[in-house]
């Protein structure tokens, strides 16, 4: 096993775990319940950690982690040809009139 990531919180660790699983990389989360022990144990040892089951997956896992840490990609805007309303670029259906947006 090899440590990949110390997450800020448990939901963050689960997001990374799911991104890895989607790419076929097996991993586990340690310290899932350790935040309840804050004060008893040092805070930096209570963060949830994502560990890789196979250290050979490190390169691929690092790429996935870096992409996740960059944050969402701005998709721009898409104008609806039916009503003219602007929609986020990742929408497939207009939020205003439910017409299909051109891809």
N, C-alpha and C. Protein backbone atom coordinates (compact mmCIF):
# COMPACT_ATOMS: atom_id res chain seq x y z
N UNK A 1 0.84 -1.18 0.00
CA UNK A 1 0.00 0.00 0.00
C UNK A 1 0.89 1.24 0.00
N UNK A 2 0.34 2.31 -0.60
CA UNK A 2 1.09 3.56 -0.67
C UNK A 2 0.14 4.72 -0.47
N UNK A 3 0.52 5.66 0.38
CA UNK A 3 -0.31 6.84 0.63
C UNK A 3 -0.28 7.76 -0.59
N UNK A 4 -1.47 8.16 -1.02
CA UNK A 4 -1.60 9.07 -2.15
C UNK A 4 -1.95 10.48 -1.71
N UNK A 5 -2.87 10.62 -0.73
CA UNK A 5 -3.49 11.92 -0.50
C UNK A 5 -4.02 12.04 0.92
N UNK A 6 -3.77 13.18 1.55
CA UNK A 6 -4.42 13.53 2.82
C UNK A 6 -5.51 14.53 2.49
N UNK A 7 -6.73 14.16 2.73
CA UNK A 7 -7.88 15.00 2.37
C UNK A 7 -8.21 15.98 3.49
N UNK A 8 -8.85 17.07 3.14
CA UNK A 8 -9.26 18.06 4.12
C UNK A 8 -10.43 17.56 4.96
N UNK A 9 -11.25 16.68 4.35
CA UNK A 9 -12.41 16.15 5.04
C UNK A 9 -12.81 14.83 4.39
N UNK A 10 -13.73 14.13 5.00
CA UNK A 10 -14.13 12.81 4.51
C UNK A 10 -14.81 12.85 3.13
N UNK A 11 -15.71 13.82 2.86
CA UNK A 11 -16.29 13.86 1.51
C UNK A 11 -15.23 14.06 0.42
N UNK A 12 -14.22 14.87 0.70
CA UNK A 12 -13.14 15.09 -0.26
C UNK A 12 -12.40 13.78 -0.52
N UNK A 13 -12.14 13.01 0.51
CA UNK A 13 -11.46 11.72 0.36
C UNK A 13 -12.30 10.76 -0.48
N UNK A 14 -13.61 10.76 -0.27
CA UNK A 14 -14.49 9.87 -1.04
C UNK A 14 -14.56 10.28 -2.51
N UNK A 15 -14.49 11.56 -2.80
CA UNK A 15 -14.46 12.01 -4.20
C UNK A 15 -13.23 11.45 -4.89
N UNK A 16 -12.07 11.60 -4.25
CA UNK A 16 -10.82 11.08 -4.83
C UNK A 16 -10.90 9.56 -4.98
N UNK A 17 -11.42 8.88 -3.96
CA UNK A 17 -11.56 7.43 -4.01
C UNK A 17 -12.42 7.01 -5.21
N UNK A 18 -13.53 7.70 -5.44
CA UNK A 18 -14.42 7.38 -6.56
C UNK A 18 -13.78 7.69 -7.91
N UNK A 19 -13.03 8.78 -8.00
CA UNK A 19 -12.33 9.10 -9.25
C UNK A 19 -11.33 7.99 -9.58
N UNK A 20 -10.62 7.52 -8.57
CA UNK A 20 -9.67 6.42 -8.78
C UNK A 20 -10.40 5.14 -9.20
N UNK A 21 -11.49 4.84 -8.53
CA UNK A 21 -12.25 3.63 -8.85
C UNK A 21 -12.78 3.67 -10.28
N UNK A 22 -13.19 4.84 -10.74
CA UNK A 22 -13.68 4.98 -12.12
C UNK A 22 -12.61 4.64 -13.14
N UNK A 23 -11.35 4.77 -12.75
CA UNK A 23 -10.24 4.45 -13.65
C UNK A 23 -9.65 3.07 -13.36
N UNK A 24 -10.31 2.31 -12.50
CA UNK A 24 -9.87 0.96 -12.20
C UNK A 24 -8.72 0.88 -11.21
N UNK A 25 -8.50 1.96 -10.46
CA UNK A 25 -7.42 1.97 -9.47
C UNK A 25 -8.03 1.70 -8.10
N UNK A 26 -7.56 0.63 -7.47
CA UNK A 26 -8.09 0.24 -6.17
C UNK A 26 -7.39 1.03 -5.07
N UNK A 27 -8.19 1.60 -4.18
CA UNK A 27 -7.66 2.40 -3.07
C UNK A 27 -8.58 2.26 -1.87
N UNK A 28 -8.08 2.72 -0.72
CA UNK A 28 -8.86 2.68 0.52
C UNK A 28 -8.69 4.00 1.24
N UNK A 29 -9.64 4.29 2.11
CA UNK A 29 -9.56 5.48 2.95
C UNK A 29 -9.24 5.05 4.37
N UNK A 30 -8.20 5.65 4.94
CA UNK A 30 -7.86 5.43 6.34
C UNK A 30 -8.21 6.69 7.13
N UNK A 31 -8.40 6.54 8.41
CA UNK A 31 -8.76 7.63 9.33
C UNK A 31 -10.16 8.17 9.07
N UNK A 32 -11.06 7.32 8.61
CA UNK A 32 -12.42 7.78 8.33
C UNK A 32 -13.11 8.32 9.59
N UNK A 33 -12.81 7.74 10.72
CA UNK A 33 -13.48 8.13 11.95
C UNK A 33 -12.55 8.87 12.92
N UNK A 34 -11.37 9.21 12.48
CA UNK A 34 -10.38 9.81 13.38
C UNK A 34 -10.70 11.25 13.75
N UNK A 35 -11.48 11.96 12.97
CA UNK A 35 -11.75 13.35 13.29
C UNK A 35 -12.55 13.49 14.57
N UNK A 36 -13.23 12.44 14.97
CA UNK A 36 -13.93 12.46 16.25
C UNK A 36 -12.97 12.46 17.43
N UNK A 37 -11.72 12.13 17.18
CA UNK A 37 -10.72 12.09 18.24
C UNK A 37 -9.88 13.34 18.32
N UNK A 38 -10.24 14.39 17.59
CA UNK A 38 -9.47 15.63 17.65
C UNK A 38 -9.38 16.11 19.09
N UNK A 39 -8.21 16.54 19.46
CA UNK A 39 -7.97 16.94 20.84
C UNK A 39 -7.24 15.83 21.57
N UNK A 40 -7.62 14.60 21.26
CA UNK A 40 -6.94 13.44 21.83
C UNK A 40 -5.71 13.08 20.99
N UNK A 41 -5.83 13.30 19.68
CA UNK A 41 -4.72 13.04 18.77
C UNK A 41 -4.44 14.32 17.99
N UNK A 42 -3.22 14.51 17.52
CA UNK A 42 -2.89 15.72 16.76
C UNK A 42 -3.77 15.86 15.52
N UNK A 43 -4.17 17.10 15.19
CA UNK A 43 -5.09 17.32 14.08
C UNK A 43 -4.55 16.82 12.76
N UNK A 44 -3.24 16.93 12.54
CA UNK A 44 -2.68 16.50 11.25
C UNK A 44 -2.67 14.98 11.10
N UNK A 45 -2.91 14.26 12.17
CA UNK A 45 -3.01 12.80 12.09
C UNK A 45 -4.45 12.32 12.01
N UNK A 46 -5.39 13.28 12.04
CA UNK A 46 -6.81 12.92 12.00
C UNK A 46 -7.42 13.11 10.61
N UNK A 47 -6.66 13.64 9.66
CA UNK A 47 -7.20 13.82 8.33
C UNK A 47 -7.44 12.48 7.64
N UNK A 48 -8.52 12.35 6.88
CA UNK A 48 -8.72 11.12 6.10
C UNK A 48 -7.62 11.02 5.04
N UNK A 49 -7.13 9.81 4.84
CA UNK A 49 -6.06 9.58 3.87
C UNK A 49 -6.50 8.55 2.84
N UNK A 50 -6.11 8.79 1.59
CA UNK A 50 -6.39 7.85 0.51
C UNK A 50 -5.09 7.09 0.23
N UNK A 51 -5.18 5.78 0.34
CA UNK A 51 -4.03 4.91 0.12
C UNK A 51 -4.30 4.00 -1.07
N UNK A 52 -3.31 3.84 -1.91
CA UNK A 52 -3.41 2.96 -3.07
C UNK A 52 -3.13 1.52 -2.64
N UNK A 53 -3.91 0.59 -3.14
CA UNK A 53 -3.69 -0.82 -2.83
C UNK A 53 -2.43 -1.34 -3.51
N UNK A 54 -2.16 -0.85 -4.71
CA UNK A 54 -0.99 -1.28 -5.47
C UNK A 54 -0.12 -0.06 -5.78
N UNK A 55 1.10 0.00 -5.23
CA UNK A 55 1.98 1.15 -5.49
C UNK A 55 2.28 1.36 -6.98
N UNK A 56 2.09 0.34 -7.81
CA UNK A 56 2.34 0.47 -9.25
C UNK A 56 1.35 1.44 -9.90
N UNK A 57 0.24 1.72 -9.22
CA UNK A 57 -0.77 2.64 -9.76
C UNK A 57 -0.46 4.10 -9.46
N UNK A 58 0.69 4.37 -8.84
CA UNK A 58 1.02 5.73 -8.38
C UNK A 58 0.99 6.77 -9.49
N UNK A 59 1.57 6.47 -10.63
CA UNK A 59 1.65 7.47 -11.71
C UNK A 59 0.26 7.85 -12.20
N UNK A 60 -0.57 6.87 -12.50
CA UNK A 60 -1.93 7.14 -12.95
C UNK A 60 -2.76 7.84 -11.89
N UNK A 61 -2.58 7.42 -10.64
CA UNK A 61 -3.34 8.02 -9.54
C UNK A 61 -2.93 9.48 -9.33
N UNK A 62 -1.66 9.78 -9.47
CA UNK A 62 -1.19 11.16 -9.32
C UNK A 62 -1.80 12.06 -10.40
N UNK A 63 -1.91 11.54 -11.62
CA UNK A 63 -2.52 12.32 -12.70
C UNK A 63 -3.98 12.63 -12.39
N UNK A 64 -4.70 11.64 -11.89
CA UNK A 64 -6.11 11.82 -11.53
C UNK A 64 -6.23 12.84 -10.41
N UNK A 65 -5.36 12.73 -9.41
CA UNK A 65 -5.39 13.65 -8.27
C UNK A 65 -5.08 15.08 -8.71
N UNK A 66 -4.09 15.26 -9.56
CA UNK A 66 -3.75 16.61 -10.04
C UNK A 66 -4.90 17.23 -10.83
N UNK A 67 -5.54 16.44 -11.65
CA UNK A 67 -6.69 16.94 -12.42
C UNK A 67 -7.82 17.35 -11.48
N UNK A 68 -8.05 16.55 -10.45
CA UNK A 68 -9.10 16.88 -9.46
C UNK A 68 -8.75 18.17 -8.72
N UNK A 69 -7.50 18.32 -8.34
CA UNK A 69 -7.09 19.50 -7.58
C UNK A 69 -7.10 20.78 -8.40
N UNK A 70 -7.01 20.66 -9.71
CA UNK A 70 -7.09 21.85 -10.57
C UNK A 70 -8.48 22.48 -10.53
N UNK A 71 -9.47 21.69 -10.23
CA UNK A 71 -10.83 22.19 -10.15
C UNK A 71 -11.57 22.05 -11.46
N UNK A 72 -12.81 22.49 -11.48
CA UNK A 72 -13.62 22.33 -12.69
C UNK A 72 -13.12 23.21 -13.84
N UNK A 73 -13.30 22.71 -15.03
CA UNK A 73 -12.94 23.44 -16.23
C UNK A 73 -14.12 24.33 -16.61
N UNK A 74 -13.84 25.56 -16.91
CA UNK A 74 -14.90 26.49 -17.32
C UNK A 74 -15.42 26.05 -18.68
N UNK A 75 -16.73 25.85 -18.76
CA UNK A 75 -17.35 25.33 -19.97
C UNK A 75 -17.90 26.42 -20.88
N UNK A 76 -17.85 27.66 -20.44
CA UNK A 76 -18.40 28.74 -21.26
C UNK A 76 -19.91 28.78 -21.18
N UNK A 77 -20.51 29.45 -22.15
CA UNK A 77 -21.97 29.59 -22.20
C UNK A 77 -22.49 29.07 -23.53
N UNK A 78 -23.73 28.61 -23.50
CA UNK A 78 -24.41 28.16 -24.71
C UNK A 78 -25.75 28.89 -24.79
N UNK A 79 -26.03 29.49 -25.93
CA UNK A 79 -27.31 30.17 -26.12
C UNK A 79 -28.33 29.20 -26.69
N UNK A 80 -29.53 29.26 -26.16
CA UNK A 80 -30.62 28.42 -26.63
C UNK A 80 -31.14 28.98 -27.95
N UNK A 81 -31.24 28.13 -28.97
CA UNK A 81 -31.75 28.57 -30.26
C UNK A 81 -33.27 28.76 -30.23
N UNK A 82 -33.93 28.18 -29.23
CA UNK A 82 -35.38 28.28 -29.12
C UNK A 82 -35.82 29.58 -28.44
N UNK A 83 -35.23 29.88 -27.26
CA UNK A 83 -35.69 31.06 -26.51
C UNK A 83 -34.61 32.13 -26.35
N UNK A 84 -33.37 31.82 -26.73
CA UNK A 84 -32.29 32.81 -26.65
C UNK A 84 -31.64 32.92 -25.28
N UNK A 85 -32.08 32.16 -24.32
CA UNK A 85 -31.53 32.22 -22.96
C UNK A 85 -30.13 31.63 -22.92
N UNK A 86 -29.24 32.24 -22.11
CA UNK A 86 -27.89 31.69 -21.95
C UNK A 86 -27.90 30.60 -20.90
N UNK A 87 -27.17 29.52 -21.19
CA UNK A 87 -27.07 28.37 -20.31
C UNK A 87 -25.59 28.05 -20.09
N UNK A 88 -25.24 27.44 -18.95
CA UNK A 88 -23.87 26.96 -18.79
C UNK A 88 -23.51 26.00 -19.91
N UNK A 89 -22.26 26.02 -20.34
CA UNK A 89 -21.82 25.22 -21.48
C UNK A 89 -21.96 23.73 -21.32
N UNK A 90 -22.05 23.24 -20.08
CA UNK A 90 -22.18 21.80 -19.90
C UNK A 90 -23.64 21.33 -19.86
N UNK A 91 -24.60 22.25 -20.01
CA UNK A 91 -26.02 21.87 -20.05
C UNK A 91 -26.34 21.28 -21.41
N UNK A 92 -27.22 20.29 -21.43
CA UNK A 92 -27.68 19.70 -22.67
C UNK A 92 -29.09 20.15 -23.02
N UNK A 93 -29.81 20.64 -21.99
CA UNK A 93 -31.18 21.12 -22.16
C UNK A 93 -31.28 22.50 -21.56
N UNK A 94 -31.96 23.40 -22.24
CA UNK A 94 -32.13 24.76 -21.76
C UNK A 94 -32.89 24.76 -20.43
N UNK A 95 -32.36 25.50 -19.47
CA UNK A 95 -33.02 25.56 -18.16
C UNK A 95 -34.34 26.32 -18.23
N UNK A 96 -34.48 27.18 -19.23
CA UNK A 96 -35.66 28.04 -19.32
C UNK A 96 -36.82 27.38 -20.07
N UNK A 97 -36.54 26.78 -21.21
CA UNK A 97 -37.63 26.24 -22.05
C UNK A 97 -37.54 24.75 -22.30
N UNK A 98 -36.52 24.10 -21.80
CA UNK A 98 -36.31 22.65 -21.93
C UNK A 98 -36.00 22.18 -23.34
N UNK A 99 -35.64 23.09 -24.23
CA UNK A 99 -35.25 22.71 -25.59
C UNK A 99 -33.82 22.14 -25.55
N UNK A 100 -33.53 21.24 -26.48
CA UNK A 100 -32.19 20.68 -26.57
C UNK A 100 -31.23 21.77 -27.05
N UNK A 101 -30.06 21.81 -26.41
CA UNK A 101 -29.04 22.78 -26.80
C UNK A 101 -28.11 22.17 -27.84
N UNK A 102 -27.67 22.98 -28.78
CA UNK A 102 -26.72 22.51 -29.79
C UNK A 102 -25.38 22.21 -29.13
N UNK A 103 -24.79 21.12 -29.52
CA UNK A 103 -23.50 20.72 -28.93
C UNK A 103 -22.36 21.28 -29.71
